[in-house]
Structures are given as structure tokens and as C-alpha cells.
C-alpha atoms as a PDB file:
ATOM      1  CA  UNK A   1      41.996 -17.246   7.681  1.00  0.00           C
ATOM      2  CA  UNK A   2      41.798 -13.595   5.952  1.00  0.00           C
ATOM      3  CA  UNK A   3      40.501 -13.834   2.778  1.00  0.00           C
ATOM      4  CA  UNK A   4      41.031 -10.113   0.243  1.00  0.00           C
ATOM      5  CA  UNK A   5      38.499 -10.403  -2.462  1.00  0.00           C
ATOM      6  CA  UNK A   6      38.575  -8.167  -5.494  1.00  0.00           C
ATOM      7  CA  UNK A   7      36.343  -7.730  -8.302  1.00  0.00           C
ATOM      8  CA  UNK A   8      37.887 -10.461 -11.069  1.00  0.00           C
ATOM      9  CA  UNK A   9      38.333  -8.679 -14.659  1.00  0.00           C
ATOM     10  CA  UNK A  10      35.886 -11.473 -16.176  1.00  0.00           C
ATOM     11  CA  UNK A  11      32.462 -10.116 -16.725  1.00  0.00           C
ATOM     12  CA  UNK A  12      30.395 -13.443 -16.687  1.00  0.00           C
ATOM     13  CA  UNK A  13      29.091 -12.414 -13.323  1.00  0.00           C
ATOM     14  CA  UNK A  14      28.500  -8.947 -13.864  1.00  0.00           C
ATOM     15  CA  UNK A  15      25.298  -7.348 -15.009  1.00  0.00           C
ATOM     16  CA  UNK A  16      26.485  -5.702 -18.181  1.00  0.00           C
ATOM     17  CA  UNK A  17      23.356  -4.975 -20.031  1.00  0.00           C
ATOM     18  CA  UNK A  18      23.437  -1.052 -19.874  1.00  0.00           C
ATOM     19  CA  UNK A  19      26.067  -0.895 -17.640  1.00  0.00           C
ATOM     20  CA  UNK A  20      29.502   0.945 -17.681  1.00  0.00           C
ATOM     21  CA  UNK A  21      32.249  -0.636 -15.784  1.00  0.00           C
ATOM     22  CA  UNK A  22      35.666   0.471 -15.837  1.00  0.00           C
ATOM     23  CA  UNK A  23      38.839  -1.473 -14.164  1.00  0.00           C
ATOM     24  CA  UNK A  24      41.205   0.829 -12.695  1.00  0.00           C
ATOM     25  CA  UNK A  25      44.818   0.449 -11.998  1.00  0.00           C
ATOM     26  CA  UNK A  26      44.656  -0.136  -8.501  1.00  0.00           C
ATOM     27  CA  UNK A  27      42.193  -2.803  -8.788  1.00  0.00           C
ATOM     28  CA  UNK A  28      39.065  -1.099  -7.896  1.00  0.00           C
ATOM     29  CA  UNK A  29      35.875  -1.377 -10.248  1.00  0.00           C
ATOM     30  CA  UNK A  30      33.472   1.756 -11.182  1.00  0.00           C
ATOM     31  CA  UNK A  31      30.078   0.431 -11.998  1.00  0.00           C
ATOM     32  CA  UNK A  32      26.809   2.535 -13.205  1.00  0.00           C
ATOM     33  CA  UNK A  33      23.904   1.478 -14.358  1.00  0.00           C
ATOM     34  CA  UNK A  34      21.355   4.022 -13.974  1.00  0.00           C
ATOM     35  CA  UNK A  35      18.592   1.839 -15.804  1.00  0.00           C
ATOM     36  CA  UNK A  36      18.868  -1.195 -14.072  1.00  0.00           C
ATOM     37  CA  UNK A  37      16.008  -2.821 -12.647  1.00  0.00           C
ATOM     38  CA  UNK A  38      15.616  -2.853  -8.192  1.00  0.00           C
ATOM     39  CA  UNK A  39      16.824  -5.983  -7.103  1.00  0.00           C
ATOM     40  CA  UNK A  40      18.811  -7.109  -9.867  1.00  0.00           C
ATOM     41  CA  UNK A  41      22.426  -8.395  -8.740  1.00  0.00           C
ATOM     42  CA  UNK A  42      25.245  -6.465 -10.033  1.00  0.00           C
ATOM     43  CA  UNK A  43      27.809  -8.748  -9.497  1.00  0.00           C
ATOM     44  CA  UNK A  44      28.275 -12.080  -7.729  1.00  0.00           C
ATOM     45  CA  UNK A  45      31.285 -13.835  -6.131  1.00  0.00           C
ATOM     46  CA  UNK A  46      30.614 -17.458  -5.861  1.00  0.00           C
ATOM     47  CA  UNK A  47      32.315 -20.679  -3.929  1.00  0.00           C
ATOM     48  CA  UNK A  48      31.610 -22.802  -6.716  1.00  0.00           C
ATOM     49  CA  UNK A  49      34.115 -23.446  -9.202  1.00  0.00           C
ATOM     50  CA  UNK A  50      34.277 -21.078 -12.520  1.00  0.00           C
ATOM     51  CA  UNK A  51      36.706 -20.416 -15.775  1.00  0.00           C
ATOM     52  CA  UNK A  52      38.648 -17.623 -16.191  1.00  0.00           C
ATOM     53  CA  UNK A  53      41.141 -17.415 -19.184  1.00  0.00           C
ATOM     54  CA  UNK A  54      40.720 -21.105 -19.825  1.00  0.00           C
ATOM     55  CA  UNK A  55      41.581 -21.975 -16.076  1.00  0.00           C
ATOM     56  CA  UNK A  56      39.379 -23.300 -13.144  1.00  0.00           C
ATOM     57  CA  UNK A  57      39.373 -21.243 -10.494  1.00  0.00           C
ATOM     58  CA  UNK A  58      37.014 -20.931  -7.255  1.00  0.00           C
ATOM     59  CA  UNK A  59      36.264 -17.055  -6.535  1.00  0.00           C
ATOM     60  CA  UNK A  60      35.176 -17.719  -2.776  1.00  0.00           C
ATOM     61  CA  UNK A  61      36.833 -19.834  -0.273  1.00  0.00           C
ATOM     62  CA  UNK A  62      35.122 -22.970   1.084  1.00  0.00           C
ATOM     63  CA  UNK A  63      33.852 -22.158   4.507  1.00  0.00           C
ATOM     64  CA  UNK A  64      33.320 -24.850   7.557  1.00  0.00           C
ATOM     65  CA  UNK A  65      29.909 -25.541   8.614  1.00  0.00           C
ATOM     66  CA  UNK A  66      28.496 -23.627  11.552  1.00  0.00           C
ATOM     67  CA  UNK A  67      31.121 -21.054  12.096  1.00  0.00           C
ATOM     68  CA  UNK A  68      30.410 -17.644  12.108  1.00  0.00           C
ATOM     69  CA  UNK A  69      32.099 -15.330   9.225  1.00  0.00           C
ATOM     70  CA  UNK A  70      32.808 -11.515   9.317  1.00  0.00           C
ATOM     71  CA  UNK A  71      32.159  -9.795   5.542  1.00  0.00           C
ATOM     72  CA  UNK A  72      33.461  -6.302   4.625  1.00  0.00           C
ATOM     73  CA  UNK A  73      32.932  -4.096   1.547  1.00  0.00           C
ATOM     74  CA  UNK A  74      35.078  -1.419   0.886  1.00  0.00           C
ATOM     75  CA  UNK A  75      33.415   1.236  -1.660  1.00  0.00           C
ATOM     76  CA  UNK A  76      33.370   4.654  -2.369  1.00  0.00           C
ATOM     77  CA  UNK A  77      31.861   7.392  -4.522  1.00  0.00           C
ATOM     78  CA  UNK A  78      28.459   5.604  -4.042  1.00  0.00           C
ATOM     79  CA  UNK A  79      25.111   7.679  -5.111  1.00  0.00           C
ATOM     80  CA  UNK A  80      22.185   6.263  -3.981  1.00  0.00           C
ATOM     81  CA  UNK A  81      21.772   2.733  -2.202  1.00  0.00           C
ATOM     82  CA  UNK A  82      23.177  -0.764  -3.188  1.00  0.00           C
ATOM     83  CA  UNK A  83      22.811  -3.959  -0.703  1.00  0.00           C
ATOM     84  CA  UNK A  84      25.018  -6.823   0.060  1.00  0.00           C
ATOM     85  CA  UNK A  85      23.145 -10.442   0.431  1.00  0.00           C
ATOM     86  CA  UNK A  86      25.033 -13.735   1.426  1.00  0.00           C
ATOM     87  CA  UNK A  87      22.832 -17.045  -0.286  1.00  0.00           C
ATOM     88  CA  UNK A  88      23.237 -20.579   0.756  1.00  0.00           C
ATOM     89  CA  UNK A  89      22.646 -23.411  -1.613  1.00  0.00           C
ATOM     90  CA  UNK A  90      21.945 -26.786  -1.156  1.00  0.00           C
ATOM     91  CA  UNK A  91      23.661 -30.005  -3.059  1.00  0.00           C
ATOM     92  CA  UNK A  92      20.913 -29.574  -5.577  1.00  0.00           C
ATOM     93  CA  UNK A  93      21.853 -25.954  -5.819  1.00  0.00           C
ATOM     94  CA  UNK A  94      18.264 -24.558  -4.051  1.00  0.00           C
ATOM     95  CA  UNK A  95      18.689 -21.857  -1.708  1.00  0.00           C
ATOM     96  CA  UNK A  96      18.656 -22.551   1.470  1.00  0.00           C
ATOM     97  CA  UNK A  97      18.260 -18.817   3.076  1.00  0.00           C
ATOM     98  CA  UNK A  98      20.092 -15.341   2.708  1.00  0.00           C
ATOM     99  CA  UNK A  99      21.504 -12.959   4.968  1.00  0.00           C
ATOM    100  CA  UNK A 100      21.246  -9.091   4.118  1.00  0.00           C
ATOM    101  CA  UNK A 101      24.568  -7.598   5.213  1.00  0.00           C
ATOM    102  CA  UNK A 102      23.763  -3.678   5.808  1.00  0.00           C
ATOM    103  CA  UNK A 103      26.151  -0.857   4.722  1.00  0.00           C
ATOM    104  CA  UNK A 104      28.177  -3.558   3.459  1.00  0.00           C
ATOM    105  CA  UNK A 105      29.415  -5.170   6.470  1.00  0.00           C
ATOM    106  CA  UNK A 106      28.339  -7.778   9.097  1.00  0.00           C
ATOM    107  CA  UNK A 107      28.118 -11.500  10.266  1.00  0.00           C
ATOM    108  CA  UNK A 108      26.763 -14.785   9.190  1.00  0.00           C
ATOM    109  CA  UNK A 109      26.815 -18.119  10.082  1.00  0.00           C
ATOM    110  CA  UNK A 110      27.360 -20.587   7.331  1.00  0.00           C
ATOM    111  CA  UNK A 111      24.509 -23.067   7.494  1.00  0.00           C
ATOM    112  CA  UNK A 112      25.360 -26.892   8.352  1.00  0.00           C
ATOM    113  CA  UNK A 113      23.699 -28.406   5.011  1.00  0.00           C
ATOM    114  CA  UNK A 114      24.950 -25.577   2.571  1.00  0.00           C
ATOM    115  CA  UNK A 115      27.120 -26.864   0.009  1.00  0.00           C
ATOM    116  CA  UNK A 116      27.964 -23.831  -1.804  1.00  0.00           C
ATOM    117  CA  UNK A 117      27.180 -20.253  -1.340  1.00  0.00           C
ATOM    118  CA  UNK A 118      27.464 -16.512  -3.296  1.00  0.00           C
ATOM    119  CA  UNK A 119      28.113 -12.841  -2.229  1.00  0.00           C
ATOM    120  CA  UNK A 120      25.950 -10.826  -4.575  1.00  0.00           C
ATOM    121  CA  UNK A 121      25.956  -6.728  -4.892  1.00  0.00           C
ATOM    122  CA  UNK A 122      22.505  -5.932  -5.631  1.00  0.00           C
ATOM    123  CA  UNK A 123      20.698  -2.693  -6.831  1.00  0.00           C
ATOM    124  CA  UNK A 124      18.624  -1.170  -5.122  1.00  0.00           C
ATOM    125  CA  UNK A 125      18.433   2.405  -6.803  1.00  0.00           C
ATOM    126  CA  UNK A 126      21.990   3.390  -7.465  1.00  0.00           C
ATOM    127  CA  UNK A 127      23.577   5.783  -9.851  1.00  0.00           C
ATOM    128  CA  UNK A 128      27.267   4.823  -9.336  1.00  0.00           C
ATOM    129  CA  UNK A 129      29.683   3.478  -7.306  1.00  0.00           C
ATOM    130  CA  UNK A 130      33.491   2.021  -6.834  1.00  0.00           C
ATOM    131  CA  UNK A 131      34.284  -1.167  -5.634  1.00  0.00           C
ATOM    132  CA  UNK A 132      37.992  -1.307  -4.341  1.00  0.00           C
ATOM    133  CA  UNK A 133      37.809  -5.078  -2.173  1.00  0.00           C
ATOM    134  CA  UNK A 134      35.955  -7.036   0.458  1.00  0.00           C
ATOM    135  CA  UNK A 135      37.311  -8.871   3.542  1.00  0.00           C
ATOM    136  CA  UNK A 136      36.595 -12.124   4.254  1.00  0.00           C
ATOM    137  CA  UNK A 137      37.390 -13.953   7.391  1.00  0.00           C
ATOM    138  CA  UNK A 138      36.227 -15.735  11.019  1.00  0.00           C
ATOM    139  CA  UNK A 139      34.023 -13.803  12.809  1.00  0.00           C
ATOM    140  CA  UNK A 140      36.407 -14.399  16.180  1.00  0.00           C
ATOM    141  CA  UNK A 141      39.335 -12.996  14.063  1.00  0.00           C
ATOM    142  CA  UNK A 142      37.684  -9.746  13.135  1.00  0.00           C
ATOM    143  CA  UNK A 143      36.963  -8.909  16.773  1.00  0.00           C
ATOM    144  CA  UNK A 144      40.447  -9.492  17.772  1.00  0.00           C
ATOM    145  CA  UNK A 145      42.424  -8.114  14.731  1.00  0.00           C
ATOM    146  CA  UNK A 146      42.430  -4.773  12.702  1.00  0.00           C
ATOM    147  CA  UNK A 147      43.765  -4.504   8.892  1.00  0.00           C
ATOM    148  CA  UNK A 148      45.120  -1.741   6.922  1.00  0.00           C
ATOM    149  CA  UNK A 149      45.635  -1.954   3.195  1.00  0.00           C
ATOM    150  CA  UNK A 150      48.235  -0.757   1.014  1.00  0.00           C
ATOM    151  CA  UNK A 151      46.776  -1.284  -2.541  1.00  0.00           C
ATOM    152  CA  UNK A 152      49.524   0.743  -4.271  1.00  0.00           C
ATOM    153  CA  UNK A 153      52.135  -1.406  -3.012  1.00  0.00           C
ATOM    154  CA  UNK A 154      50.211  -4.866  -2.776  1.00  0.00           C
ATOM    155  CA  UNK A 155      50.191  -5.306   0.802  1.00  0.00           C
ATOM    156  CA  UNK A 156      47.980  -5.967   3.569  1.00  0.00           C
ATOM    157  CA  UNK A 157      48.812  -5.309   7.458  1.00  0.00           C
ATOM    158  CA  UNK A 158      46.838  -7.264   9.863  1.00  0.00           C
ATOM    159  CA  UNK A 159      47.781  -7.404  13.713  1.00  0.00           C
ATOM    160  CA  UNK A 160      46.234  -8.309  16.625  1.00  0.00           C
ATOM    161  CA  UNK A 161      44.412  -6.092  19.241  1.00  0.00           C
ATOM    162  CA  UNK A 162      46.903  -6.326  21.883  1.00  0.00           C
ATOM    163  CA  UNK A 163      49.388  -3.757  21.644  1.00  0.00           C
ATOM    164  CA  UNK A 164      52.315  -5.651  22.772  1.00  0.00           C
ATOM    165  CA  UNK A 165      51.530  -8.282  20.193  1.00  0.00           C
ATOM    166  CA  UNK A 166      51.528  -5.546  17.250  1.00  0.00           C
ATOM    167  CA  UNK A 167      55.063  -4.394  18.006  1.00  0.00           C
ATOM    168  CA  UNK A 168      56.287  -7.946  17.645  1.00  0.00           C
ATOM    169  CA  UNK A 169      58.113  -8.910  14.468  1.00  0.00           C
ATOM    170  CA  UNK A 170      55.573  -9.383  11.462  1.00  0.00           C
ATOM    171  CA  UNK A 171      55.265 -12.780   9.450  1.00  0.00           C
ATOM    172  CA  UNK A 172      55.584 -12.482   5.920  1.00  0.00           C
ATOM    173  CA  UNK A 173      53.396 -14.258   3.946  1.00  0.00           C
ATOM    174  CA  UNK A 174      53.103 -14.271   0.026  1.00  0.00           C
ATOM    175  CA  UNK A 175      50.254 -15.300  -2.027  1.00  0.00           C
ATOM    176  CA  UNK A 176      49.328 -15.146  -5.870  1.00  0.00           C
ATOM    177  CA  UNK A 177      45.913 -14.443  -7.329  1.00  0.00           C
ATOM    178  CA  UNK A 178      43.390 -16.673  -7.702  1.00  0.00           C
ATOM    179  CA  UNK A 179      40.543 -15.062 -10.098  1.00  0.00           C
ATOM    180  CA  UNK A 180      40.864 -11.884  -7.602  1.00  0.00           C
ATOM    181  CA  UNK A 181      40.760 -13.539  -4.391  1.00  0.00           C
ATOM    182  CA  UNK A 182      44.075 -13.901  -1.763  1.00  0.00           C
ATOM    183  CA  UNK A 183      44.003 -15.947   1.091  1.00  0.00           C
ATOM    184  CA  UNK A 184      46.098 -15.494   4.404  1.00  0.00           C
ATOM    185  CA  UNK A 185      46.820 -17.427   7.446  1.00  0.00           C
ATOM    186  CA  UNK A 186      46.553 -15.539  10.154  1.00  0.00           C
ATOM    187  CA  UNK A 187      49.573 -16.210  12.941  1.00  0.00           C
ATOM    188  CA  UNK A 188      48.867 -16.997  16.463  1.00  0.00           C
ATOM    189  CA  UNK A 189      50.841 -14.383  17.489  1.00  0.00           C
ATOM    190  CA  UNK A 190      52.217 -10.555  16.168  1.00  0.00           C
ATOM    191  CA  UNK A 191      50.982  -8.874  13.034  1.00  0.00           C
ATOM    192  CA  UNK A 192      50.727 -10.198   9.497  1.00  0.00           C
ATOM    193  CA  UNK A 193      52.493  -8.847   6.159  1.00  0.00           C
ATOM    194  CA  UNK A 194      50.346 -10.068   3.182  1.00  0.00           C
ATOM    195  CA  UNK A 195      51.902  -9.699  -0.325  1.00  0.00           C
ATOM    196  CA  UNK A 196      49.256 -10.441  -2.891  1.00  0.00           C
ATOM    197  CA  UNK A 197      50.083 -10.291  -6.799  1.00  0.00           C
ATOM    198  CA  UNK A 198      49.345 -11.968  -9.976  1.00  0.00           C
ATOM    199  CA  UNK A 199      51.613 -15.127 -10.970  1.00  0.00           C
ATOM    200  CA  UNK A 200      53.126 -12.959 -13.627  1.00  0.00           C
ATOM    201  CA  UNK A 201      54.097 -10.471 -11.286  1.00  0.00           C
ATOM    202  CA  UNK A 202      55.914 -13.002  -9.042  1.00  0.00           C
ATOM    203  CA  UNK A 203      57.640 -14.348 -11.888  1.00  0.00           C
ATOM    204  CA  UNK A 204      58.545 -10.768 -13.207  1.00  0.00           C
ATOM    205  CA  UNK A 205      62.248  -9.981 -11.745  1.00  0.00           C
ATOM    206  CA  UNK A 206      61.706  -6.100 -11.960  1.00  0.00           C
ATOM    207  CA  UNK A 207      58.669  -6.698  -9.701  1.00  0.00           C
ATOM    208  CA  UNK A 208      60.380  -8.699  -7.345  1.00  0.00           C
ATOM    209  CA  UNK A 209      63.211  -6.340  -6.550  1.00  0.00           C
ATOM    210  CA  UNK A 210      60.462  -3.752  -6.436  1.00  0.00           C
ATOM    211  CA  UNK A 211      58.826  -5.843  -3.525  1.00  0.00           C
ATOM    212  CA  UNK A 212      62.089  -6.712  -1.833  1.00  0.00           C
ATOM    213  CA  UNK A 213      62.962  -3.016  -1.863  1.00  0.00           C
ATOM    214  CA  UNK A 214      59.389  -1.779   0.029  1.00  0.00           C
ATOM    215  CA  UNK A 215      59.333  -4.862   2.155  1.00  0.00           C
ATOM    216  CA  UNK A 216      63.126  -4.520   3.745  1.00  0.00           C
ATOM    217  CA  UNK A 217      62.492  -0.615   4.075  1.00  0.00           C
ATOM    218  CA  UNK A 218      58.901  -1.155   6.058  1.00  0.00           C
ATOM    219  CA  UNK A 219      59.690  -4.414   7.524  1.00  0.00           C
ATOM    220  CA  UNK A 220      63.369  -4.805   8.303  1.00  0.00           C
ATOM    221  CA  UNK A 221      63.004  -7.701  10.571  1.00  0.00           C
ATOM    222  CA  UNK A 222      60.430 -10.438   9.980  1.00  0.00           C
ATOM    223  CA  UNK A 223      59.764 -13.406  12.082  1.00  0.00           C
ATOM    224  CA  UNK A 224      59.088 -16.198   9.060  1.00  0.00           C
ATOM    225  CA  UNK A 225      58.528 -15.579   5.449  1.00  0.00           C
ATOM    226  CA  UNK A 226      55.942 -17.762   3.811  1.00  0.00           C
ATOM    227  CA  UNK A 227      55.512 -18.587   0.300  1.00  0.00           C
ATOM    228  CA  UNK A 228      52.047 -20.032  -0.360  1.00  0.00           C
ATOM    229  CA  UNK A 229      52.191 -21.259  -3.990  1.00  0.00           C
ATOM    230  CA  UNK A 230      54.816 -22.045  -6.308  1.00  0.00           C
ATOM    231  CA  UNK A 231      55.044 -18.766  -7.896  1.00  0.00           C
ATOM    232  CA  UNK A 232      55.928 -16.878  -5.209  1.00  0.00           C
ATOM    233  CA  UNK A 233      58.999 -18.907  -4.406  1.00  0.00           C
ATOM    234  CA  UNK A 234      61.538 -16.936  -6.349  1.00  0.00           C
ATOM    235  CA  UNK A 235      60.651 -13.709  -4.172  1.00  0.00           C
ATOM    236  CA  UNK A 236      60.787 -15.702  -1.006  1.00  0.00           C
ATOM    237  CA  UNK A 237      64.219 -16.698  -2.019  1.00  0.00           C
ATOM    238  CA  UNK A 238      65.415 -13.356  -2.774  1.00  0.00           C
ATOM    239  CA  UNK A 239      64.335 -12.019   0.489  1.00  0.00           C
ATOM    240  CA  UNK A 240      65.689 -14.747   2.442  1.00  0.00           C
ATOM    241  CA  UNK A 241      69.127 -14.235   0.508  1.00  0.00           C
ATOM    242  CA  UNK A 242      69.143 -10.629   0.966  1.00  0.00           C
ATOM    243  CA  UNK A 243      68.451 -11.305   5.033  1.00  0.00           C
ATOM    244  CA  UNK A 244      71.531 -13.724   5.269  1.00  0.00           C
ATOM    245  CA  UNK A 245      73.773 -11.543   3.480  1.00  0.00           C
ATOM    246  CA  UNK A 246      72.982  -8.657   6.070  1.00  0.00           C
ATOM    247  CA  UNK A 247      73.721 -10.745   8.585  1.00  0.00           C
END
């Protein structure tokens, strides 16, 4: 599984006091707080249930005990220094351990006795930065796969390191937003094209037809089309109908 993590628009887990926070059209967040004390968390992603717009959500995926995972942040315009930490908690919400990921990326093992975890951006001494997205996946997946993002068209392309496999027809997965996170199942063979959008976008006919045109231009042949939630089935039906008509 590969999880694409954005900074959600809810500010409950963001350090807002004295901060300038701007959300851009391409889902990035520009953050600046030059008076913030060192060691304070600027933003926290949580695996426990939260609430956004009156709906419960889990911001981070549940992990398997004893499995090694890989996290990578895409950050630009950084002036100063920030740090990424992964914190693990027991059933009483007491901290068990933490791992510091240098340069915003690295691996960690989910402890056997952990019940939840957070990923935190911590201020060291920053002036500003732009957070684009994070990727969380199994370390084994990160070793044997690469990925390319197309933020404008809301697509991610994940391909195995074997050249022959990369040339195969991709699996197409359509997934809807869950408080800023999107999950994609990595196929056993061949590349993956993941489309990520909000539930409202998937229900908008104009957006559906825009995605249809982009997908059919970039990937005229796909192995399978998978809809991961009820909201995505309309676009799947549109793509399948068009494919059948072409045949």
C-alpha cells in the first residue's frame, strides 16, 4: 500500500499562534512562523480518529506491528531548519518511542506494543517553507518502486524498478480524499496510475470528463480500472463505457 498524505485544511493540528498559513490551489501549504520556539510541533498527522467538517476520519493509515515503513516529505522554499519525527503511543496514549527522520525522509519500524502513532513537523529554527505532500509506504515497496507526481492533474504514477514491468499496461485506481490522505494498493505486476480527488470532484460531471480525457490521452491502454469507494464509481463507469465503445 502506498499512502499519499497532504496537509489537511483543518487547522486543529497546526500551530497557528503567530503563524502565516496559506493553502495553494495545488494542495500545498506555505507556512511561516519566525517567532515560534524551537522544538514546537508545527503540524501533526494522527492515526487516531479526528473530525473535519462534522465527519470522523483517520488522517494516517493503520500500520502493522513489526513492519518497516518509509516516509518521505516533499518540501520546498525552506529557509532555516525543520525536523520530521514519528512518535508511537501505547493504549493509554503514553509515548513509547520516537524516531527522527533526517531531511524529511527515512524508515521506521512500527513497535509491537504501539496502538497509535503521529508524524510531526517540528520547528528547529525556520523562517518559512512549503509542504507539498508526504508519501508513506512499506520500506520494501520503496526499495523496489519509484513514483512520479502530477499534482495539476491529480495523478500519481508508481512503477517497479524492472524495466520490462514498467512498460506493461498500468492498473488504474480511483480513490477519494479522506481528510487529505489517499491510499493506493500496489499491483503485483506492472505500474500503477492513481487518481486522487475529493468526493465532490468525483461527483462533478465536468471533472469526470476532464479526468477521462487526461487518462485516455496519457494511458490509452490500462490493465484494470479499480474504484476504491462509492464516490469513484461514476468515473470508473465512464472510462469503462468509453473503452468498450472503442473496441
